[in-house]
């Protein structure tokens, strides 16, 4: 095959007026790369196969890529997802078609970990109620003593998952002098030992934690992992934080527990349905902090994600395996190896 290496960006990277959705995503290195053409797709969700017939790579924001999105040309070699979640992508369909799916763990590691820290400090410091009291003037100030915060020294910080983000959160929480515990069936024991994390059972991480963060991917196995039975194990003074994916938590069960004050509160950057219905009962609770799946969205986060995606795409163009491949099995397929060899012959240095 001759011609340039063609890179598509999903249509949601542009606003209706044509301006960039996220100006911090710097496309200049991609546009300046030799033998590369860049084009934005029309807005379609899920993506349509015919949109991608003439592209070698796709940088994907929020739109879905399903089995019906796989182009018949067999040209598409890599999908670089903007972020670390890939529940919007049909991974088996990608593998069957010899398409590598890449995510950007380096771009989100620190921003999401900081988001967890922000929720933990806001919850334990009673920031929401103290903000409200301040706005009420003398009447609110008179109630300050009724809303004492929770000190963190010696408290137990737990996590479901100590992968890329979970481990980073423990790193930045180190100066708080908390006890660290976690449950992760795939834990790197050397990392756990280095960070002073005690690995415990799933039930024990719910039972012992004063603050419990969910930092695992959404899979069939983790769907509703945080359910009524496990929430019932938590201390009445404990807080739950979820910055991963909404369906990991049974939201109806959590809403009931929060409404009945059976745990102290929750911080949620993700919900089972996004956006939620206007009459969703969780919106009426005063012991939950909510964010619109955007708490980690900073200039640095989006610049980092964009740079990682651009680097991954250019690595493939030059016939090299990029970092962050989710479906590692695809790397052993004849289709992928043939594509990579072709790219190396045409564009390799």
Protein backbone atom coordinates (compact mmCIF):
# COMPACT_ATOMS: atom_id res chain seq x y z
CA UNK A 1 0.00 0.00 0.00
CA UNK A 2 1.26 3.46 -0.80
CA UNK A 3 0.27 6.92 0.38
CA UNK A 4 0.43 8.66 3.76
CA UNK A 5 -0.40 7.21 7.17
CA UNK A 6 -3.95 8.43 7.80
CA UNK A 7 -5.16 9.23 11.32
CA UNK A 8 -8.83 9.79 12.17
CA UNK A 9 -10.11 11.63 15.24
CA UNK A 10 -13.63 10.92 16.47
CA UNK A 11 -16.02 13.79 15.76
CA UNK A 12 -16.48 14.66 19.43
CA UNK A 13 -13.01 16.21 19.47
CA UNK A 14 -14.68 19.21 17.76
CA UNK A 15 -17.52 21.43 18.93
CA UNK A 16 -20.46 22.12 16.59
CA UNK A 17 -18.81 25.40 15.57
CA UNK A 18 -15.66 23.55 14.52
CA UNK A 19 -13.47 24.71 17.41
CA UNK A 20 -11.55 22.08 19.41
CA UNK A 21 -13.43 20.52 22.31
CA UNK A 22 -10.21 20.39 24.33
CA UNK A 23 -7.63 23.01 23.26
CA UNK A 24 -5.04 21.45 25.60
CA UNK A 25 -4.89 18.44 23.26
CA UNK A 26 -2.01 19.59 21.07
CA UNK A 27 -2.30 18.13 17.58
CA UNK A 28 0.70 20.05 16.26
CA UNK A 29 3.18 17.14 16.65
CA UNK A 30 0.82 14.86 14.73
CA UNK A 31 0.16 17.38 11.96
CA UNK A 32 3.90 18.09 11.64
CA UNK A 33 4.92 14.43 11.43
CA UNK A 34 6.16 13.37 7.97
CA UNK A 35 3.80 11.30 5.83
CA UNK A 36 0.84 11.72 8.19
CA UNK A 37 -2.62 12.98 7.31
CA UNK A 38 -5.13 13.93 10.01
CA UNK A 39 -8.91 14.15 9.59
CA UNK A 40 -11.90 14.53 11.90
CA UNK A 41 -14.79 12.13 11.46
CA UNK A 42 -18.40 13.21 11.24
CA UNK A 43 -20.18 12.88 14.58
CA UNK A 44 -21.62 9.37 14.86
CA UNK A 45 -22.19 7.20 17.91
CA UNK A 46 -21.35 4.39 17.58
CA UNK A 47 -18.82 5.02 14.85
CA UNK A 48 -19.77 3.65 11.44
CA UNK A 49 -17.48 1.28 9.58
CA UNK A 50 -17.65 3.27 6.36
CA UNK A 51 -16.20 6.31 8.16
CA UNK A 52 -12.98 4.40 8.85
CA UNK A 53 -12.36 2.51 5.62
CA UNK A 54 -9.42 4.69 4.56
CA UNK A 55 -7.67 5.19 7.91
CA UNK A 56 -4.71 3.45 9.54
CA UNK A 57 -5.31 4.81 13.05
CA UNK A 58 -8.11 6.23 15.16
CA UNK A 59 -7.85 8.51 18.19
CA UNK A 60 -11.08 7.96 20.09
CA UNK A 61 -12.73 10.20 22.67
CA UNK A 62 -16.17 9.16 24.01
CA UNK A 63 -17.88 7.63 21.01
CA UNK A 64 -18.49 3.90 20.94
CA UNK A 65 -16.57 1.51 18.72
CA UNK A 66 -18.48 -1.73 18.31
CA UNK A 67 -18.21 -4.75 16.06
CA UNK A 68 -20.28 -2.86 13.52
CA UNK A 69 -17.61 -0.12 13.50
CA UNK A 70 -14.83 -2.36 12.15
CA UNK A 71 -14.04 -1.24 8.59
CA UNK A 72 -14.14 -3.91 5.88
CA UNK A 73 -10.96 -2.63 4.24
CA UNK A 74 -8.81 -4.23 6.94
CA UNK A 75 -6.68 -1.11 7.00
CA UNK A 76 -7.31 0.16 10.54
CA UNK A 77 -4.43 -0.98 12.76
CA UNK A 78 -4.74 0.90 16.04
CA UNK A 79 -7.32 2.66 18.20
CA UNK A 80 -5.80 5.09 20.72
CA UNK A 81 -8.37 5.75 23.41
CA UNK A 82 -8.25 9.17 25.11
CA UNK A 83 -7.99 8.00 28.73
CA UNK A 84 -7.85 4.63 30.45
CA UNK A 85 -11.45 3.43 30.34
CA UNK A 86 -12.34 1.24 27.39
CA UNK A 87 -15.84 0.00 28.20
CA UNK A 88 -17.01 1.92 25.10
CA UNK A 89 -14.86 -0.29 22.85
CA UNK A 90 -15.64 -3.85 21.78
CA UNK A 91 -12.26 -5.34 22.62
CA UNK A 92 -12.89 -8.84 21.20
CA UNK A 93 -14.02 -7.26 17.92
CA UNK A 94 -10.75 -5.31 17.79
CA UNK A 95 -8.70 -8.41 18.46
CA UNK A 96 -10.58 -10.43 15.83
CA UNK A 97 -9.86 -7.69 13.29
CA UNK A 98 -6.17 -7.39 14.25
CA UNK A 99 -6.66 -3.89 15.69
CA UNK A 100 -4.60 -2.91 18.74
CA UNK A 101 -6.46 -0.95 21.42
CA UNK A 102 -4.22 1.49 23.30
CA UNK A 103 -5.02 3.49 26.45
CA UNK A 104 -3.14 6.34 28.18
CA UNK A 105 -2.27 5.30 31.76
CA UNK A 106 0.52 7.85 32.06
CA UNK A 107 -1.84 10.70 31.24
CA UNK A 108 -4.39 9.98 33.96
CA UNK A 109 -2.36 8.38 36.76
CA UNK A 110 -1.68 11.54 38.78
CA UNK A 111 -4.82 13.55 37.87
CA UNK A 112 -7.21 10.76 38.93
CA UNK A 113 -5.20 10.03 42.08
CA UNK A 114 -5.42 13.72 42.99
CA UNK A 115 -9.18 13.56 42.38
CA UNK A 116 -9.50 10.75 44.92
CA UNK A 117 -7.46 12.79 47.39
CA UNK A 118 -9.69 15.82 46.77
CA UNK A 119 -12.83 13.81 47.51
CA UNK A 120 -11.30 12.25 50.62
CA UNK A 121 -10.28 15.62 52.05
CA UNK A 122 -13.62 17.23 51.18
CA UNK A 123 -15.60 14.40 52.76
CA UNK A 124 -13.59 14.07 55.95
CA UNK A 125 -13.29 17.86 56.29
CA UNK A 126 -17.09 18.27 55.85
CA UNK A 127 -16.45 20.84 53.15
CA UNK A 128 -19.95 20.83 51.67
CA UNK A 129 -21.77 21.46 54.94
CA UNK A 130 -19.21 24.06 56.04
CA UNK A 131 -19.63 25.91 52.78
CA UNK A 132 -23.39 25.95 53.36
CA UNK A 133 -23.03 27.11 56.97
CA UNK A 134 -20.81 29.99 55.91
CA UNK A 135 -23.38 31.20 53.39
CA UNK A 136 -26.04 31.20 56.11
CA UNK A 137 -24.21 33.91 58.06
CA UNK A 138 -24.46 34.09 61.89
CA UNK A 139 -27.01 31.25 62.03
CA UNK A 140 -24.68 28.94 60.15
CA UNK A 141 -21.59 29.97 62.10
CA UNK A 142 -23.43 29.11 65.30
CA UNK A 143 -23.69 25.49 64.11
CA UNK A 144 -19.97 24.95 63.48
CA UNK A 145 -19.47 22.71 66.49
CA UNK A 146 -22.09 20.27 65.23
CA UNK A 147 -20.05 19.39 62.15
CA UNK A 148 -16.63 18.30 63.32
CA UNK A 149 -14.30 16.91 60.66
CA UNK A 150 -12.46 13.59 60.80
CA UNK A 151 -8.69 13.50 61.32
CA UNK A 152 -6.78 11.07 59.10
CA UNK A 153 -3.69 10.18 61.14
CA UNK A 154 -3.87 6.49 61.99
CA UNK A 155 -7.11 5.95 60.06
CA UNK A 156 -7.34 3.10 57.57
CA UNK A 157 -7.25 3.97 53.89
CA UNK A 158 -8.47 1.15 51.69
CA UNK A 159 -8.62 0.59 47.96
CA UNK A 160 -10.26 -1.90 45.67
CA UNK A 161 -7.45 -2.11 43.15
CA UNK A 162 -3.81 -1.01 43.32
CA UNK A 163 -2.97 -0.77 39.67
CA UNK A 164 -1.79 2.36 37.92
CA UNK A 165 -4.12 4.83 39.68
CA UNK A 166 -4.64 3.02 42.97
CA UNK A 167 -0.92 2.76 43.63
CA UNK A 168 -0.41 6.43 42.74
CA UNK A 169 -3.08 7.45 45.23
CA UNK A 170 -1.29 5.60 48.01
CA UNK A 171 1.97 7.32 47.00
CA UNK A 172 0.52 10.80 47.34
CA UNK A 173 -1.33 9.85 50.55
CA UNK A 174 1.87 8.70 52.25
CA UNK A 175 2.45 11.95 54.23
CA UNK A 176 -1.01 11.65 55.83
CA UNK A 177 0.22 8.87 58.15
CA UNK A 178 -2.69 6.54 57.47
CA UNK A 179 -2.73 2.76 57.55
CA UNK A 180 -2.92 1.32 54.01
CA UNK A 181 -4.90 -1.77 52.99
CA UNK A 182 -6.11 -2.98 49.60
CA UNK A 183 -7.76 -5.83 47.76
CA UNK A 184 -6.55 -6.67 44.27
CA UNK A 185 -6.37 -10.24 42.92
CA UNK A 186 -3.82 -9.03 40.36
CA UNK A 187 -1.74 -6.97 42.78
CA UNK A 188 1.98 -6.54 42.23
CA UNK A 189 3.17 -7.67 45.65
CA UNK A 190 6.46 -5.84 45.28
CA UNK A 191 4.60 -2.55 44.71
CA UNK A 192 2.34 -3.26 47.69
CA UNK A 193 5.34 -3.93 49.91
CA UNK A 194 7.15 -0.82 48.66
CA UNK A 195 4.14 1.37 49.48
CA UNK A 196 3.41 -0.29 52.83
CA UNK A 197 0.04 -1.68 51.70
CA UNK A 198 -1.39 -4.71 53.46
CA UNK A 199 -3.25 -6.95 51.00
CA UNK A 200 -6.53 -8.22 52.44
CA UNK A 201 -9.66 -10.02 51.27
CA UNK A 202 -12.46 -8.16 49.53
CA UNK A 203 -14.68 -8.43 52.59
CA UNK A 204 -11.95 -7.16 54.90
CA UNK A 205 -11.21 -4.08 52.80
CA UNK A 206 -14.87 -3.09 53.22
CA UNK A 207 -14.93 -4.01 56.89
CA UNK A 208 -11.72 -2.24 57.97
CA UNK A 209 -11.54 0.91 55.82
CA UNK A 210 -12.32 4.35 57.17
CA UNK A 211 -12.02 5.66 53.62
CA UNK A 212 -12.48 3.19 50.77
CA UNK A 213 -11.65 4.07 47.18
CA UNK A 214 -12.72 2.11 44.11
CA UNK A 215 -9.86 2.02 41.60
CA UNK A 216 -10.50 -1.02 39.44
CA UNK A 217 -11.67 -1.37 35.82
CA UNK A 218 -15.27 -2.16 34.91
CA UNK A 219 -15.51 -5.76 33.75
CA UNK A 220 -18.27 -8.39 33.94
CA UNK A 221 -16.62 -9.56 37.16
CA UNK A 222 -16.54 -6.11 38.79
CA UNK A 223 -20.06 -5.02 37.77
CA UNK A 224 -21.88 -4.23 41.06
CA UNK A 225 -18.86 -5.45 43.01
CA UNK A 226 -19.85 -2.79 45.55
CA UNK A 227 -23.28 -4.19 46.44
CA UNK A 228 -25.67 -4.13 49.38
CA UNK A 229 -23.95 -7.02 51.14
CA UNK A 230 -20.50 -5.43 50.99
CA UNK A 231 -21.77 -1.96 51.87
CA UNK A 232 -23.32 -3.52 54.98
CA UNK A 233 -19.81 -4.49 56.12
CA UNK A 234 -18.62 -0.88 56.22
CA UNK A 235 -18.29 1.15 59.39
CA UNK A 236 -21.05 3.72 60.00
CA UNK A 237 -18.26 6.34 60.10
CA UNK A 238 -16.68 5.24 56.79
CA UNK A 239 -16.63 6.99 53.43
CA UNK A 240 -16.81 5.43 49.95
CA UNK A 241 -15.15 7.06 46.92
CA UNK A 242 -15.61 5.99 43.31
CA UNK A 243 -13.65 7.62 40.47
CA UNK A 244 -13.49 4.49 38.32
CA UNK A 245 -16.76 3.53 36.59
CA UNK A 246 -20.32 3.96 37.86
CA UNK A 247 -21.61 0.40 37.33
CA UNK A 248 -18.96 -1.03 39.64
CA UNK A 249 -21.24 0.29 42.41
CA UNK A 250 -24.86 -0.79 42.81
CA UNK A 251 -26.12 2.78 42.97
CA UNK A 252 -29.57 1.90 44.33
CA UNK A 253 -27.96 0.00 47.20
CA UNK A 254 -25.54 2.86 47.88
CA UNK A 255 -28.33 5.44 47.80
CA UNK A 256 -30.27 3.44 50.38
CA UNK A 257 -27.23 3.09 52.65
CA UNK A 258 -26.48 6.81 52.42
CA UNK A 259 -30.10 7.83 53.00
CA UNK A 260 -30.26 5.62 56.09
CA UNK A 261 -26.91 7.03 57.34
CA UNK A 262 -25.41 3.56 57.54
CA UNK A 263 -22.12 5.00 56.23
CA UNK A 264 -20.92 8.56 56.74
CA UNK A 265 -20.85 9.61 53.11
CA UNK A 266 -19.61 9.08 49.58
CA UNK A 267 -17.72 10.92 46.86
CA UNK A 268 -18.69 9.93 43.33
CA UNK A 269 -17.15 11.17 40.10
CA UNK A 270 -19.03 8.43 38.23
CA UNK A 271 -22.63 7.23 38.24
CA UNK A 272 -24.46 4.21 36.84
CA UNK A 273 -26.27 6.48 34.40
CA UNK A 274 -24.49 9.56 33.07
CA UNK A 275 -26.02 12.06 33.15
CA UNK A 276 -28.47 10.93 35.84
CA UNK A 277 -32.22 11.49 35.61
CA UNK A 278 -33.30 14.76 37.21
CA UNK A 279 -35.31 12.84 39.81
CA UNK A 280 -32.53 10.40 40.72
CA UNK A 281 -32.74 10.15 44.55
CA UNK A 282 -28.96 10.30 44.96
CA UNK A 283 -29.07 13.94 43.82
CA UNK A 284 -31.13 14.87 46.87
CA UNK A 285 -28.75 13.48 49.49
CA UNK A 286 -26.59 15.84 51.53
CA UNK A 287 -23.92 13.27 52.47
CA UNK A 288 -22.62 12.62 48.95
CA UNK A 289 -20.33 14.76 46.80
CA UNK A 290 -20.98 14.37 43.08
CA UNK A 291 -18.95 15.27 40.01
CA UNK A 292 -19.88 14.76 36.32
CA UNK A 293 -17.16 12.20 35.47
CA UNK A 294 -14.78 15.09 35.07
CA UNK A 295 -13.04 15.66 38.39
CA UNK A 296 -9.65 14.79 36.95
CA UNK A 297 -10.17 17.00 33.91
CA UNK A 298 -7.34 19.49 34.06
CA UNK A 299 -5.16 21.14 31.45
CA UNK A 300 -2.33 18.80 32.40
CA UNK A 301 -4.50 15.67 32.26
CA UNK A 302 -5.78 16.40 28.78
CA UNK A 303 -2.41 17.50 27.47
CA UNK A 304 -0.94 14.26 28.83
CA UNK A 305 -3.64 12.05 27.34
CA UNK A 306 -3.31 13.74 23.98
CA UNK A 307 0.47 13.47 23.94
CA UNK A 308 0.27 9.77 24.82
CA UNK A 309 -2.23 9.07 22.04
CA UNK A 310 -0.14 10.95 19.48
CA UNK A 311 2.97 9.06 20.56
CA UNK A 312 1.17 5.70 20.30
CA UNK A 313 -0.10 6.44 16.81
CA UNK A 314 3.33 7.56 15.59
CA UNK A 315 4.95 4.48 17.11
CA UNK A 316 2.63 2.29 15.04
CA UNK A 317 3.32 4.38 11.93
CA UNK A 318 7.02 3.57 12.32
CA UNK A 319 6.38 -0.13 12.80
CA UNK A 320 6.83 -0.23 16.57
CA UNK A 321 4.55 -1.64 19.26
CA UNK A 322 3.14 1.25 21.34
CA UNK A 323 2.81 1.38 25.12
CA UNK A 324 -0.53 0.71 26.77
CA UNK A 325 -1.93 -2.02 24.50
CA UNK A 326 -5.00 -3.53 26.19
CA UNK A 327 -5.56 -6.57 23.95
CA UNK A 328 -2.03 -7.95 24.06
CA UNK A 329 -3.10 -11.10 22.21
CA UNK A 330 -3.48 -9.07 19.01
CA UNK A 331 0.28 -8.52 18.93
CA UNK A 332 0.79 -12.20 18.12
CA UNK A 333 -1.67 -12.32 15.24
CA UNK A 334 -0.52 -12.57 11.62
CA UNK A 335 -2.70 -9.59 10.67
CA UNK A 336 -1.05 -7.27 13.18
CA UNK A 337 2.46 -8.45 12.38
CA UNK A 338 1.86 -7.97 8.66
CA UNK A 339 0.57 -4.44 9.18
CA UNK A 340 3.45 -3.48 11.44
CA UNK A 341 6.01 -4.85 8.98
CA UNK A 342 4.34 -2.87 6.19
CA UNK A 343 4.42 0.35 8.25
CA UNK A 344 8.06 -0.22 9.12
CA UNK A 345 8.95 -0.74 5.48
CA UNK A 346 7.13 2.45 4.41
CA UNK A 347 7.78 4.82 7.32
CA UNK A 348 10.34 3.20 9.70
CA UNK A 349 13.51 5.01 10.68
